[in-house]
Structures are given as structure tokens and as C-alpha cells.
Amino acid sequence: MITPRGIRRIVIAVCALAIAGMIVSSITEHNGIAIATGLVAAVAILCLILVTAVGGPEAFGAPPAVDEAAAADLERRVESLVASGADETEVRSLIRATRRLSKRQ
């Protein structure tokens, strides 16, 4: 089954090829082909809008909204560790490593 992201990529490729077709056919003075490829591009753009609207941001890998309360709590805890003598660079490096690990699972 093709994912919404896959459909979006295919539609963008079709649109790009249609635009190239419009340019080439206009240069070579094939007006009928230019109009036809323009219509293909217009339909591809409508498909892109439709797929994006139906799929929603989560279907395309948009990051989830930041939980401000959790972020403030994390920052408070980092500041507490640093105040008690921990190296701030190491603490923040540990947090980044934890995020990378959690993204893999």
C-alpha cells in the first residue's frame, strides 16, 4: 500500500515533469501540448492539496507539538543538576543521546 508521503512524492514528480513539458512545448511552439501539460500540472497540484488535507500533518512526519510544561520541567532539572556540580555540556549531551535512542524505537 502506498503511504500518503509516497503519493505526495509521486504527485510532485508528475507536477515537475508537467512543468518541464510546458516549458519545452512552449519553446518548440507546440501550444496544444503546452496546454495539455499545464492541465496535468493543475490536476497534480489539486491532488497534492487533497492528499495533504486528507492525510494531515502526522501522515507526513511533522513533529508533534512541544509540551511546554514538560520542557520547562526538563530545563529546571538540568539547571538543578548543573547547580549541584554536574557538567552542563555532559548533561545536555546525555539528553540528546536519550532522544536519539527513543526515536529508534
C-alpha atoms as a PDB file:
ATOM      1  CA  MET A   1       0.000   0.000   0.000  1.00  0.00           C
ATOM      2  CA  ILE A   2       1.297   3.440  -0.859  1.00  0.00           C
ATOM      3  CA  THR A   3       1.569   5.847   2.045  1.00  0.00           C
ATOM      4  CA  PRO A   4       0.356   9.463   1.833  1.00  0.00           C
ATOM      5  CA  ARG A   5       4.011  10.521   1.746  1.00  0.00           C
ATOM      6  CA  GLY A   6       4.596   8.240  -1.266  1.00  0.00           C
ATOM      7  CA  ILE A   7       1.545   9.591  -3.075  1.00  0.00           C
ATOM      8  CA  ARG A   8       2.742  13.113  -2.385  1.00  0.00           C
ATOM      9  CA  ARG A   9       6.178  12.365  -3.853  1.00  0.00           C
ATOM     10  CA  ILE A  10       4.657  10.839  -6.991  1.00  0.00           C
ATOM     11  CA  VAL A  11       2.320  13.823  -7.460  1.00  0.00           C
ATOM     12  CA  ILE A  12       5.200  16.290  -7.012  1.00  0.00           C
ATOM     13  CA  ALA A  13       7.237  14.381  -9.622  1.00  0.00           C
ATOM     14  CA  VAL A  14       4.303  14.435 -12.064  1.00  0.00           C
ATOM     15  CA  CYS A  15       3.874  18.160 -11.468  1.00  0.00           C
ATOM     16  CA  ALA A  16       7.574  18.859 -12.050  1.00  0.00           C
ATOM     17  CA  LEU A  17       7.544  16.825 -15.283  1.00  0.00           C
ATOM     18  CA  ALA A  18       4.395  18.614 -16.436  1.00  0.00           C
ATOM     19  CA  ILE A  19       6.004  21.998 -15.824  1.00  0.00           C
ATOM     20  CA  ALA A  20       9.075  20.900 -17.770  1.00  0.00           C
ATOM     21  CA  GLY A  21       6.741  19.716 -20.536  1.00  0.00           C
ATOM     22  CA  MET A  22       5.028  23.100 -20.614  1.00  0.00           C
ATOM     23  CA  ILE A  23       8.347  24.883 -20.939  1.00  0.00           C
ATOM     24  CA  VAL A  24       9.713  22.607 -23.659  1.00  0.00           C
ATOM     25  CA  SER A  25       6.498  22.574 -25.674  1.00  0.00           C
ATOM     26  CA  SER A  26       6.195  26.344 -25.435  1.00  0.00           C
ATOM     27  CA  ILE A  27       9.757  26.785 -26.684  1.00  0.00           C
ATOM     28  CA  THR A  28       9.109  24.432 -29.595  1.00  0.00           C
ATOM     29  CA  GLU A  29       5.796  26.197 -30.298  1.00  0.00           C
ATOM     30  CA  HIS A  30       3.558  23.186 -29.680  1.00  0.00           C
ATOM     31  CA  ASN A  31       0.773  25.112 -27.994  1.00  0.00           C
ATOM     32  CA  GLY A  32      -1.651  22.202 -27.685  1.00  0.00           C
ATOM     33  CA  ILE A  33       0.899  20.121 -25.816  1.00  0.00           C
ATOM     34  CA  ALA A  34       1.738  23.112 -23.594  1.00  0.00           C
ATOM     35  CA  ILE A  35      -1.931  23.472 -22.660  1.00  0.00           C
ATOM     36  CA  ALA A  36      -2.308  19.736 -22.040  1.00  0.00           C
ATOM     37  CA  THR A  37       0.754  19.548 -19.790  1.00  0.00           C
ATOM     38  CA  GLY A  38      -0.471  22.675 -17.994  1.00  0.00           C
ATOM     39  CA  LEU A  39      -3.744  20.914 -17.259  1.00  0.00           C
ATOM     40  CA  VAL A  40      -1.822  17.877 -15.992  1.00  0.00           C
ATOM     41  CA  ALA A  41       0.175  20.174 -13.693  1.00  0.00           C
ATOM     42  CA  ALA A  42      -3.032  21.796 -12.425  1.00  0.00           C
ATOM     43  CA  VAL A  43      -4.599  18.411 -11.659  1.00  0.00           C
ATOM     44  CA  ALA A  44      -1.385  17.284  -9.926  1.00  0.00           C
ATOM     45  CA  ILE A  45      -1.434  20.409  -7.750  1.00  0.00           C
ATOM     46  CA  LEU A  46      -5.075  19.748  -6.825  1.00  0.00           C
ATOM     47  CA  CYS A  47      -4.151  16.154  -5.936  1.00  0.00           C
ATOM     48  CA  LEU A  48      -1.284  17.438  -3.796  1.00  0.00           C
ATOM     49  CA  ILE A  49      -3.634  19.768  -1.924  1.00  0.00           C
ATOM     50  CA  LEU A  50      -6.167  16.965  -1.449  1.00  0.00           C
ATOM     51  CA  VAL A  51      -3.643  14.393  -0.204  1.00  0.00           C
ATOM     52  CA  THR A  52      -2.130  16.918   2.201  1.00  0.00           C
ATOM     53  CA  ALA A  53      -5.540  17.917   3.563  1.00  0.00           C
ATOM     54  CA  VAL A  54      -6.778  14.350   3.973  1.00  0.00           C
ATOM     55  CA  GLY A  55      -3.528  12.938   5.363  1.00  0.00           C
ATOM     56  CA  GLY A  56      -2.948  15.658   7.926  1.00  0.00           C
ATOM     57  CA  PRO A  57       0.429  16.703   9.311  1.00  0.00           C
ATOM     58  CA  GLU A  58       1.039  13.446  11.177  1.00  0.00           C
ATOM     59  CA  ALA A  59       0.971  11.489   7.895  1.00  0.00           C
ATOM     60  CA  PHE A  60       3.972  13.435   6.630  1.00  0.00           C
ATOM     61  CA  GLY A  61       6.249  13.177   9.631  1.00  0.00           C
ATOM     62  CA  ALA A  62       5.501  16.543  11.184  1.00  0.00           C
ATOM     63  CA  PRO A  63       6.946  16.705  14.674  1.00  0.00           C
ATOM     64  CA  PRO A  64       4.441  16.555  17.496  1.00  0.00           C
ATOM     65  CA  ALA A  65       3.657  19.734  19.372  1.00  0.00           C
ATOM     66  CA  VAL A  66       6.069  20.582  22.166  1.00  0.00           C
ATOM     67  CA  ASP A  67       4.732  20.024  25.663  1.00  0.00           C
ATOM     68  CA  GLU A  68       5.741  23.333  27.249  1.00  0.00           C
ATOM     69  CA  ALA A  69       5.220  22.078  30.801  1.00  0.00           C
ATOM     70  CA  ALA A  70       7.451  19.046  30.222  1.00  0.00           C
ATOM     71  CA  ALA A  71      10.099  21.201  28.525  1.00  0.00           C
ATOM     72  CA  ALA A  72      10.110  23.635  31.447  1.00  0.00           C
ATOM     73  CA  ASP A  73      10.389  20.734  33.902  1.00  0.00           C
ATOM     74  CA  LEU A  74      13.308  19.265  31.954  1.00  0.00           C
ATOM     75  CA  GLU A  75      15.105  22.605  31.876  1.00  0.00           C
ATOM     76  CA  ARG A  76      14.536  23.024  35.619  1.00  0.00           C
ATOM     77  CA  ARG A  77      16.014  19.581  36.269  1.00  0.00           C
ATOM     78  CA  VAL A  78      19.048  20.307  34.062  1.00  0.00           C
ATOM     79  CA  GLU A  79      19.645  23.568  35.931  1.00  0.00           C
ATOM     80  CA  SER A  80      19.350  21.693  39.231  1.00  0.00           C
ATOM     81  CA  LEU A  81      21.943  19.108  38.137  1.00  0.00           C
ATOM     82  CA  VAL A  82      24.301  21.827  36.913  1.00  0.00           C
ATOM     83  CA  ALA A  83      23.858  23.755  40.167  1.00  0.00           C
ATOM     84  CA  SER A  84      24.801  20.622  42.122  1.00  0.00           C
ATOM     85  CA  GLY A  85      28.064  20.322  40.183  1.00  0.00           C
ATOM     86  CA  ALA A  86      27.293  18.324  37.018  1.00  0.00           C
ATOM     87  CA  ASP A  87      28.884  19.414  33.740  1.00  0.00           C
ATOM     88  CA  GLU A  88      26.163  21.158  31.695  1.00  0.00           C
ATOM     89  CA  THR A  89      27.635  20.015  28.370  1.00  0.00           C
ATOM     90  CA  GLU A  90      27.589  16.386  29.507  1.00  0.00           C
ATOM     91  CA  VAL A  91      24.035  16.634  30.851  1.00  0.00           C
ATOM     92  CA  ARG A  92      22.744  18.107  27.578  1.00  0.00           C
ATOM     93  CA  SER A  93      24.714  15.513  25.595  1.00  0.00           C
ATOM     94  CA  LEU A  94      23.051  12.779  27.650  1.00  0.00           C
ATOM     95  CA  ILE A  95      19.617  14.250  26.867  1.00  0.00           C
ATOM     96  CA  ARG A  96      20.405  14.304  23.114  1.00  0.00           C
ATOM     97  CA  ALA A  97      21.588  10.683  23.249  1.00  0.00           C
ATOM     98  CA  THR A  98      18.376   9.699  25.026  1.00  0.00           C
ATOM     99  CA  ARG A  99      16.286  11.427  22.329  1.00  0.00           C
ATOM    100  CA  ARG A 100      18.177   9.613  19.554  1.00  0.00           C
ATOM    101  CA  LEU A 101      17.627   6.294  21.318  1.00  0.00           C
ATOM    102  CA  SER A 102      13.918   6.924  21.818  1.00  0.00           C
ATOM    103  CA  LYS A 103      13.448   7.874  18.131  1.00  0.00           C
ATOM    104  CA  ARG A 104      14.833   4.496  17.029  1.00  0.00           C
ATOM    105  CA  GLN A 105      12.224   2.546  18.961  1.00  0.00           C
END
